[in-house]
């Protein structure tokens, strides 16, 4: 698994775990919980956008270099 994908998946799992902890144990107040989830969500979004931009950049470079896009790198 590529590092960016692992990071995005990890952030998603952390958000789920934080949500479940809040539902069952009420560790944080509502404001703190909202801030935690918002922060994790923002980091996840940045990771997903970075993955997408990196992939598009690699494909664009491959097209202009004449490489085969189906070849695994």
PDB file of N, CA and C in Angstrom:
ATOM      1  N   UNK A   1       0.849  -1.166   0.000  1.00  0.00           N
ATOM      2  CA  UNK A   1       0.000   0.000   0.000  1.00  0.00           C
ATOM      3  C   UNK A   1       0.900   1.237   0.000  1.00  0.00           C
ATOM      4  N   UNK A   2       0.531   2.213  -0.799  1.00  0.00           N
ATOM      5  CA  UNK A   2       1.316   3.436  -0.892  1.00  0.00           C
ATOM      6  C   UNK A   2       1.138   4.262   0.385  1.00  0.00           C
ATOM      7  N   UNK A   3       2.161   5.040   0.751  1.00  0.00           N
ATOM      8  CA  UNK A   3       2.102   5.806   2.003  1.00  0.00           C
ATOM      9  C   UNK A   3       0.914   6.771   2.086  1.00  0.00           C
ATOM     10  N   UNK A   4       0.596   7.456   0.999  1.00  0.00           N
ATOM     11  CA  UNK A   4      -0.526   8.388   1.021  1.00  0.00           C
ATOM     12  C   UNK A   4      -1.839   7.690   1.261  1.00  0.00           C
ATOM     13  N   UNK A   5      -2.015   6.549   0.635  1.00  0.00           N
ATOM     14  CA  UNK A   5      -3.233   5.760   0.817  1.00  0.00           C
ATOM     15  C   UNK A   5      -3.316   5.234   2.247  1.00  0.00           C
ATOM     16  N   UNK A   6      -2.193   4.785   2.772  1.00  0.00           N
ATOM     17  CA  UNK A   6      -2.160   4.296   4.153  1.00  0.00           C
ATOM     18  C   UNK A   6      -2.496   5.428   5.124  1.00  0.00           C
ATOM     19  N   UNK A   7      -1.991   6.618   4.861  1.00  0.00           N
ATOM     20  CA  UNK A   7      -2.281   7.774   5.720  1.00  0.00           C
ATOM     21  C   UNK A   7      -3.770   8.099   5.689  1.00  0.00           C
ATOM     22  N   UNK A   8      -4.353   8.152   4.498  1.00  0.00           N
ATOM     23  CA  UNK A   8      -5.778   8.458   4.377  1.00  0.00           C
ATOM     24  C   UNK A   8      -6.619   7.394   5.079  1.00  0.00           C
ATOM     25  N   UNK A   9      -6.280   6.131   4.891  1.00  0.00           N
ATOM     26  CA  UNK A   9      -7.008   5.050   5.546  1.00  0.00           C
ATOM     27  C   UNK A   9      -6.857   5.142   7.064  1.00  0.00           C
ATOM     28  N   UNK A  10      -5.646   5.427   7.516  1.00  0.00           N
ATOM     29  CA  UNK A  10      -5.402   5.570   8.953  1.00  0.00           C
ATOM     30  C   UNK A  10      -6.213   6.703   9.567  1.00  0.00           C
ATOM     31  N   UNK A  11      -6.281   7.842   8.881  1.00  0.00           N
ATOM     32  CA  UNK A  11      -7.069   8.965   9.379  1.00  0.00           C
ATOM     33  C   UNK A  11      -8.557   8.621   9.424  1.00  0.00           C
ATOM     34  N   UNK A  12      -9.020   7.890   8.416  1.00  0.00           N
ATOM     35  CA  UNK A  12     -10.423   7.462   8.393  1.00  0.00           C
ATOM     36  C   UNK A  12     -10.725   6.552   9.580  1.00  0.00           C
ATOM     37  N   UNK A  13      -9.852   5.610   9.845  1.00  0.00           N
ATOM     38  CA  UNK A  13     -10.043   4.680  10.968  1.00  0.00           C
ATOM     39  C   UNK A  13      -9.997   5.430  12.294  1.00  0.00           C
ATOM     40  N   UNK A  14      -9.081   6.385  12.416  1.00  0.00           N
ATOM     41  CA  UNK A  14      -8.992   7.179  13.647  1.00  0.00           C
ATOM     42  C   UNK A  14     -10.287   7.948  13.879  1.00  0.00           C
ATOM     43  N   UNK A  15     -10.850   8.528  12.817  1.00  0.00           N
ATOM     44  CA  UNK A  15     -12.104   9.265  12.952  1.00  0.00           C
ATOM     45  C   UNK A  15     -13.223   8.346  13.431  1.00  0.00           C
ATOM     46  N   UNK A  16     -13.266   7.132  12.911  1.00  0.00           N
ATOM     47  CA  UNK A  16     -14.290   6.167  13.335  1.00  0.00           C
ATOM     48  C   UNK A  16     -14.084   5.790  14.798  1.00  0.00           C
ATOM     49  N   UNK A  17     -12.852   5.533  15.189  1.00  0.00           N
ATOM     50  CA  UNK A  17     -12.562   5.145  16.573  1.00  0.00           C
ATOM     51  C   UNK A  17     -12.915   6.285  17.532  1.00  0.00           C
ATOM     52  N   UNK A  18     -12.544   7.509  17.182  1.00  0.00           N
ATOM     53  CA  UNK A  18     -12.879   8.662  18.031  1.00  0.00           C
ATOM     54  C   UNK A  18     -14.392   8.789  18.161  1.00  0.00           C
ATOM     55  N   UNK A  19     -15.106   8.618  17.062  1.00  0.00           N
ATOM     56  CA  UNK A  19     -16.565   8.680  17.108  1.00  0.00           C
ATOM     57  C   UNK A  19     -17.161   7.606  18.008  1.00  0.00           C
ATOM     58  N   UNK A  20     -16.672   6.389  17.881  1.00  0.00           N
ATOM     59  CA  UNK A  20     -17.180   5.297  18.722  1.00  0.00           C
ATOM     60  C   UNK A  20     -16.846   5.513  20.197  1.00  0.00           C
ATOM     61  N   UNK A  21     -15.646   6.017  20.470  1.00  0.00           N
ATOM     62  CA  UNK A  21     -15.285   6.311  21.858  1.00  0.00           C
ATOM     63  C   UNK A  21     -16.214   7.371  22.443  1.00  0.00           C
ATOM     64  N   UNK A  22     -16.552   8.361  21.639  1.00  0.00           N
ATOM     65  CA  UNK A  22     -17.447   9.410  22.119  1.00  0.00           C
ATOM     66  C   UNK A  22     -18.851   8.858  22.383  1.00  0.00           C
ATOM     67  N   UNK A  23     -19.325   7.998  21.503  1.00  0.00           N
ATOM     68  CA  UNK A  23     -20.671   7.434  21.677  1.00  0.00           C
ATOM     69  C   UNK A  23     -20.747   6.573  22.939  1.00  0.00           C
ATOM     70  N   UNK A  24     -19.735   5.748  23.157  1.00  0.00           N
ATOM     71  CA  UNK A  24     -19.801   4.798  24.256  1.00  0.00           C
ATOM     72  C   UNK A  24     -19.266   5.330  25.585  1.00  0.00           C
ATOM     73  N   UNK A  25     -18.238   6.177  25.538  1.00  0.00           N
ATOM     74  CA  UNK A  25     -17.593   6.596  26.784  1.00  0.00           C
ATOM     75  C   UNK A  25     -17.737   8.085  27.093  1.00  0.00           C
ATOM     76  N   UNK A  26     -18.173   8.873  26.122  1.00  0.00           N
ATOM     77  CA  UNK A  26     -18.306  10.319  26.277  1.00  0.00           C
ATOM     78  C   UNK A  26     -17.049  10.940  26.898  1.00  0.00           C
ATOM     79  N   UNK A  27     -15.925  10.753  26.227  1.00  0.00           N
ATOM     80  CA  UNK A  27     -14.642  11.238  26.731  1.00  0.00           C
ATOM     81  C   UNK A  27     -14.484  12.748  26.619  1.00  0.00           C
ATOM     82  N   UNK A  28     -15.127  13.347  25.630  1.00  0.00           N
ATOM     83  CA  UNK A  28     -14.956  14.772  25.384  1.00  0.00           C
ATOM     84  C   UNK A  28     -16.308  15.475  25.424  1.00  0.00           C
ATOM     85  N   UNK A  29     -16.254  16.776  25.648  1.00  0.00           N
ATOM     86  CA  UNK A  29     -17.467  17.578  25.540  1.00  0.00           C
ATOM     87  C   UNK A  29     -17.845  17.709  24.074  1.00  0.00           C
ATOM     88  N   UNK A  30     -19.057  18.153  23.801  1.00  0.00           N
ATOM     89  CA  UNK A  30     -19.508  18.262  22.411  1.00  0.00           C
ATOM     90  C   UNK A  30     -18.619  19.172  21.551  1.00  0.00           C
ATOM     91  N   UNK A  31     -18.178  20.287  22.104  1.00  0.00           N
ATOM     92  CA  UNK A  31     -17.331  21.203  21.328  1.00  0.00           C
ATOM     93  C   UNK A  31     -15.972  20.588  21.002  1.00  0.00           C
ATOM     94  N   UNK A  32     -15.373  19.944  21.985  1.00  0.00           N
ATOM     95  CA  UNK A  32     -14.069  19.315  21.767  1.00  0.00           C
ATOM     96  C   UNK A  32     -14.178  18.168  20.771  1.00  0.00           C
ATOM     97  N   UNK A  33     -15.232  17.370  20.912  1.00  0.00           N
ATOM     98  CA  UNK A  33     -15.432  16.260  19.976  1.00  0.00           C
ATOM     99  C   UNK A  33     -15.598  16.782  18.547  1.00  0.00           C
ATOM    100  N   UNK A  34     -16.404  17.825  18.382  1.00  0.00           N
ATOM    101  CA  UNK A  34     -16.598  18.415  17.055  1.00  0.00           C
ATOM    102  C   UNK A  34     -15.274  18.913  16.485  1.00  0.00           C
ATOM    103  N   UNK A  35     -14.458  19.550  17.306  1.00  0.00           N
ATOM    104  CA  UNK A  35     -13.160  20.051  16.851  1.00  0.00           C
ATOM    105  C   UNK A  35     -12.232  18.900  16.456  1.00  0.00           C
ATOM    106  N   UNK A  36     -12.236  17.835  17.229  1.00  0.00           N
ATOM    107  CA  UNK A  36     -11.415  16.662  16.899  1.00  0.00           C
ATOM    108  C   UNK A  36     -11.832  16.065  15.553  1.00  0.00           C
ATOM    109  N   UNK A  37     -13.125  15.840  15.398  1.00  0.00           N
ATOM    110  CA  UNK A  37     -13.612  15.236  14.154  1.00  0.00           C
ATOM    111  C   UNK A  37     -13.373  16.160  12.963  1.00  0.00           C
ATOM    112  N   UNK A  38     -13.554  17.461  13.151  1.00  0.00           N
ATOM    113  CA  UNK A  38     -13.319  18.412  12.075  1.00  0.00           C
ATOM    114  C   UNK A  38     -11.844  18.434  11.673  1.00  0.00           C
ATOM    115  N   UNK A  39     -10.963  18.382  12.644  1.00  0.00           N
ATOM    116  CA  UNK A  39      -9.529  18.370  12.363  1.00  0.00           C
ATOM    117  C   UNK A  39      -9.123  17.099  11.631  1.00  0.00           C
ATOM    118  N   UNK A  40      -9.594  15.962  12.109  1.00  0.00           N
ATOM    119  CA  UNK A  40      -9.276  14.691  11.448  1.00  0.00           C
ATOM    120  C   UNK A  40      -9.844  14.682  10.037  1.00  0.00           C
ATOM    121  N   UNK A  41     -11.058  15.175   9.868  1.00  0.00           N
ATOM    122  CA  UNK A  41     -11.674  15.237   8.542  1.00  0.00           C
ATOM    123  C   UNK A  41     -10.899  16.141   7.595  1.00  0.00           C
ATOM    124  N   UNK A  42     -10.424  17.274   8.088  1.00  0.00           N
ATOM    125  CA  UNK A  42      -9.638  18.184   7.254  1.00  0.00           C
ATOM    126  C   UNK A  42      -8.321  17.538   6.833  1.00  0.00           C
ATOM    127  N   UNK A  43      -7.661  16.864   7.762  1.00  0.00           N
ATOM    128  CA  UNK A  43      -6.410  16.170   7.431  1.00  0.00           C
ATOM    129  C   UNK A  43      -6.657  15.059   6.421  1.00  0.00           C
ATOM    130  N   UNK A  44      -7.766  14.340   6.582  1.00  0.00           N
ATOM    131  CA  UNK A  44      -8.122  13.280   5.630  1.00  0.00           C
ATOM    132  C   UNK A  44      -8.336  13.864   4.240  1.00  0.00           C
ATOM    133  N   UNK A  45      -9.057  14.984   4.178  1.00  0.00           N
ATOM    134  CA  UNK A  45      -9.322  15.624   2.893  1.00  0.00           C
ATOM    135  C   UNK A  45      -8.024  16.075   2.223  1.00  0.00           C
ATOM    136  N   UNK A  46      -7.107  16.644   2.986  1.00  0.00           N
ATOM    137  CA  UNK A  46      -5.810  17.056   2.440  1.00  0.00           C
ATOM    138  C   UNK A  46      -5.070  15.839   1.890  1.00  0.00           C
ATOM    139  N   UNK A  47      -5.087  14.728   2.621  1.00  0.00           N
ATOM    140  CA  UNK A  47      -4.408  13.506   2.159  1.00  0.00           C
ATOM    141  C   UNK A  47      -5.027  12.993   0.869  1.00  0.00           C
ATOM    142  N   UNK A  48      -6.349  12.974   0.780  1.00  0.00           N
ATOM    143  CA  UNK A  48      -7.025  12.473  -0.420  1.00  0.00           C
ATOM    144  C   UNK A  48      -6.735  13.370  -1.619  1.00  0.00           C
ATOM    145  N   UNK A  49      -6.786  14.678  -1.416  1.00  0.00           N
ATOM    146  CA  UNK A  49      -6.481  15.608  -2.513  1.00  0.00           C
ATOM    147  C   UNK A  49      -5.033  15.453  -2.953  1.00  0.00           C
ATOM    148  N   UNK A  50      -4.116  15.282  -2.005  1.00  0.00           N
ATOM    149  CA  UNK A  50      -2.701  15.088  -2.353  1.00  0.00           C
ATOM    150  C   UNK A  50      -2.517  13.816  -3.178  1.00  0.00           C
ATOM    151  N   UNK A  51      -3.181  12.737  -2.774  1.00  0.00           N
ATOM    152  CA  UNK A  51      -3.089  11.479  -3.528  1.00  0.00           C
ATOM    153  C   UNK A  51      -3.579  11.684  -4.960  1.00  0.00           C
ATOM    154  N   UNK A  52      -4.716  12.354  -5.104  1.00  0.00           N
ATOM    155  CA  UNK A  52      -5.299  12.581  -6.426  1.00  0.00           C
ATOM    156  C   UNK A  52      -4.384  13.444  -7.291  1.00  0.00           C
ATOM    157  N   UNK A  53      -3.889  14.543  -6.741  1.00  0.00           N
ATOM    158  CA  UNK A  53      -3.025  15.450  -7.510  1.00  0.00           C
ATOM    159  C   UNK A  53      -1.732  14.739  -7.900  1.00  0.00           C
ATOM    160  N   UNK A  54      -1.167  13.958  -7.001  1.00  0.00           N
ATOM    161  CA  UNK A  54       0.065  13.216  -7.306  1.00  0.00           C
ATOM    162  C   UNK A  54      -0.173  12.216  -8.437  1.00  0.00           C
ATOM    163  N   UNK A  55      -1.287  11.485  -8.372  1.00  0.00           N
ATOM    164  CA  UNK A  55      -1.592  10.505  -9.412  1.00  0.00           C
ATOM    165  C   UNK A  55      -1.799  11.181 -10.758  1.00  0.00           C
ATOM    166  N   UNK A  56      -2.541  12.272 -10.774  1.00  0.00           N
ATOM    167  CA  UNK A  56      -2.780  13.001 -12.026  1.00  0.00           C
ATOM    168  C   UNK A  56      -1.474  13.552 -12.588  1.00  0.00           C
ATOM    169  N   UNK A  57      -0.617  14.057 -11.726  1.00  0.00           N
ATOM    170  CA  UNK A  57       0.673  14.585 -12.163  1.00  0.00           C
ATOM    171  C   UNK A  57       1.532  13.487 -12.768  1.00  0.00           C
ATOM    172  N   UNK A  58       1.546  12.329 -12.132  1.00  0.00           N
ATOM    173  CA  UNK A  58       2.323  11.197 -12.656  1.00  0.00           C
ATOM    174  C   UNK A  58       1.792  10.748 -14.009  1.00  0.00           C
ATOM    175  N   UNK A  59       0.462  10.692 -14.155  1.00  0.00           N
ATOM    176  CA  UNK A  59      -0.124  10.281 -15.433  1.00  0.00           C
ATOM    177  C   UNK A  59       0.153  11.318 -16.518  1.00  0.00           C
ATOM    178  N   UNK A  60       0.057  12.582 -16.185  1.00  0.00           N
ATOM    179  CA  UNK A  60       0.330  13.654 -17.143  1.00  0.00           C
ATOM    180  C   UNK A  60       1.779  13.575 -17.623  1.00  0.00           C
ATOM    181  N   UNK A  61       2.690  13.368 -16.677  1.00  0.00           N
ATOM    182  CA  UNK A  61       4.111  13.257 -17.016  1.00  0.00           C
ATOM    183  C   UNK A  61       4.350  12.033 -17.901  1.00  0.00           C
ATOM    184  N   UNK A  62       3.696  10.924 -17.597  1.00  0.00           N
ATOM    185  CA  UNK A  62       3.865   9.699 -18.373  1.00  0.00           C
ATOM    186  C   UNK A  62       3.359   9.886 -19.799  1.00  0.00           C
ATOM    187  N   UNK A  63       2.230  10.586 -19.945  1.00  0.00           N
ATOM    188  CA  UNK A  63       1.689  10.828 -21.287  1.00  0.00           C
ATOM    189  C   UNK A  63       2.671  11.653 -22.109  1.00  0.00           C
ATOM    190  N   UNK A  64       3.215  12.691 -21.508  1.00  0.00           N
ATOM    191  CA  UNK A  64       4.119  13.568 -22.252  1.00  0.00           C
ATOM    192  C   UNK A  64       5.503  12.966 -22.461  1.00  0.00           C
ATOM    193  N   UNK A  65       5.848  11.979 -21.661  1.00  0.00           N
ATOM    194  CA  UNK A  65       7.128  11.291 -21.858  1.00  0.00           C
ATOM    195  C   UNK A  65       6.969  10.094 -22.784  1.00  0.00           C
ATOM    196  N   UNK A  66       5.746   9.755 -23.148  1.00  0.00           N
ATOM    197  CA  UNK A  66       5.495   8.641 -24.050  1.00  0.00           C
ATOM    198  C   UNK A  66       5.501   7.295 -23.370  1.00  0.00           C
ATOM    199  N   UNK A  67       5.399   7.277 -22.044  1.00  0.00           N
ATOM    200  CA  UNK A  67       5.394   6.011 -21.316  1.00  0.00           C
ATOM    201  C   UNK A  67       4.014   5.365 -21.372  1.00  0.00           C
ATOM    202  N   UNK A  68       3.979   4.061 -21.110  1.00  0.00           N
ATOM    203  CA  UNK A  68       2.721   3.323 -21.075  1.00  0.00           C
ATOM    204  C   UNK A  68       2.048   3.564 -19.711  1.00  0.00           C
ATOM    205  N   UNK A  69       0.813   4.042 -19.719  1.00  0.00           N
ATOM    206  CA  UNK A  69       0.112   4.333 -18.483  1.00  0.00           C
ATOM    207  C   UNK A  69      -0.269   3.079 -17.713  1.00  0.00           C
ATOM    208  N   UNK A  70      -0.369   1.950 -18.391  1.00  0.00           N
ATOM    209  CA  UNK A  70      -0.778   0.712 -17.725  1.00  0.00           C
ATOM    210  C   UNK A  70       0.378   0.017 -17.024  1.00  0.00           C
ATOM    211  N   UNK A  71       1.576   0.490 -17.251  1.00  0.00           N
ATOM    212  CA  UNK A  71       2.733  -0.135 -16.619  1.00  0.00           C
ATOM    213  C   UNK A  71       2.771   0.239 -15.143  1.00  0.00           C
ATOM    214  N   UNK A  72       2.963  -0.738 -14.297  1.00  0.00           N
ATOM    215  CA  UNK A  72       3.040  -0.508 -12.852  1.00  0.00           C
ATOM    216  C   UNK A  72       4.417   0.024 -12.505  1.00  0.00           C
ATOM    217  N   UNK A  73       4.424   1.087 -11.685  1.00  0.00           N
ATOM    218  CA  UNK A  73       5.726   1.650 -11.281  1.00  0.00           C
ATOM    219  C   UNK A  73       6.021   1.355  -9.845  1.00  0.00           C
TER     220      UNK A  73
END
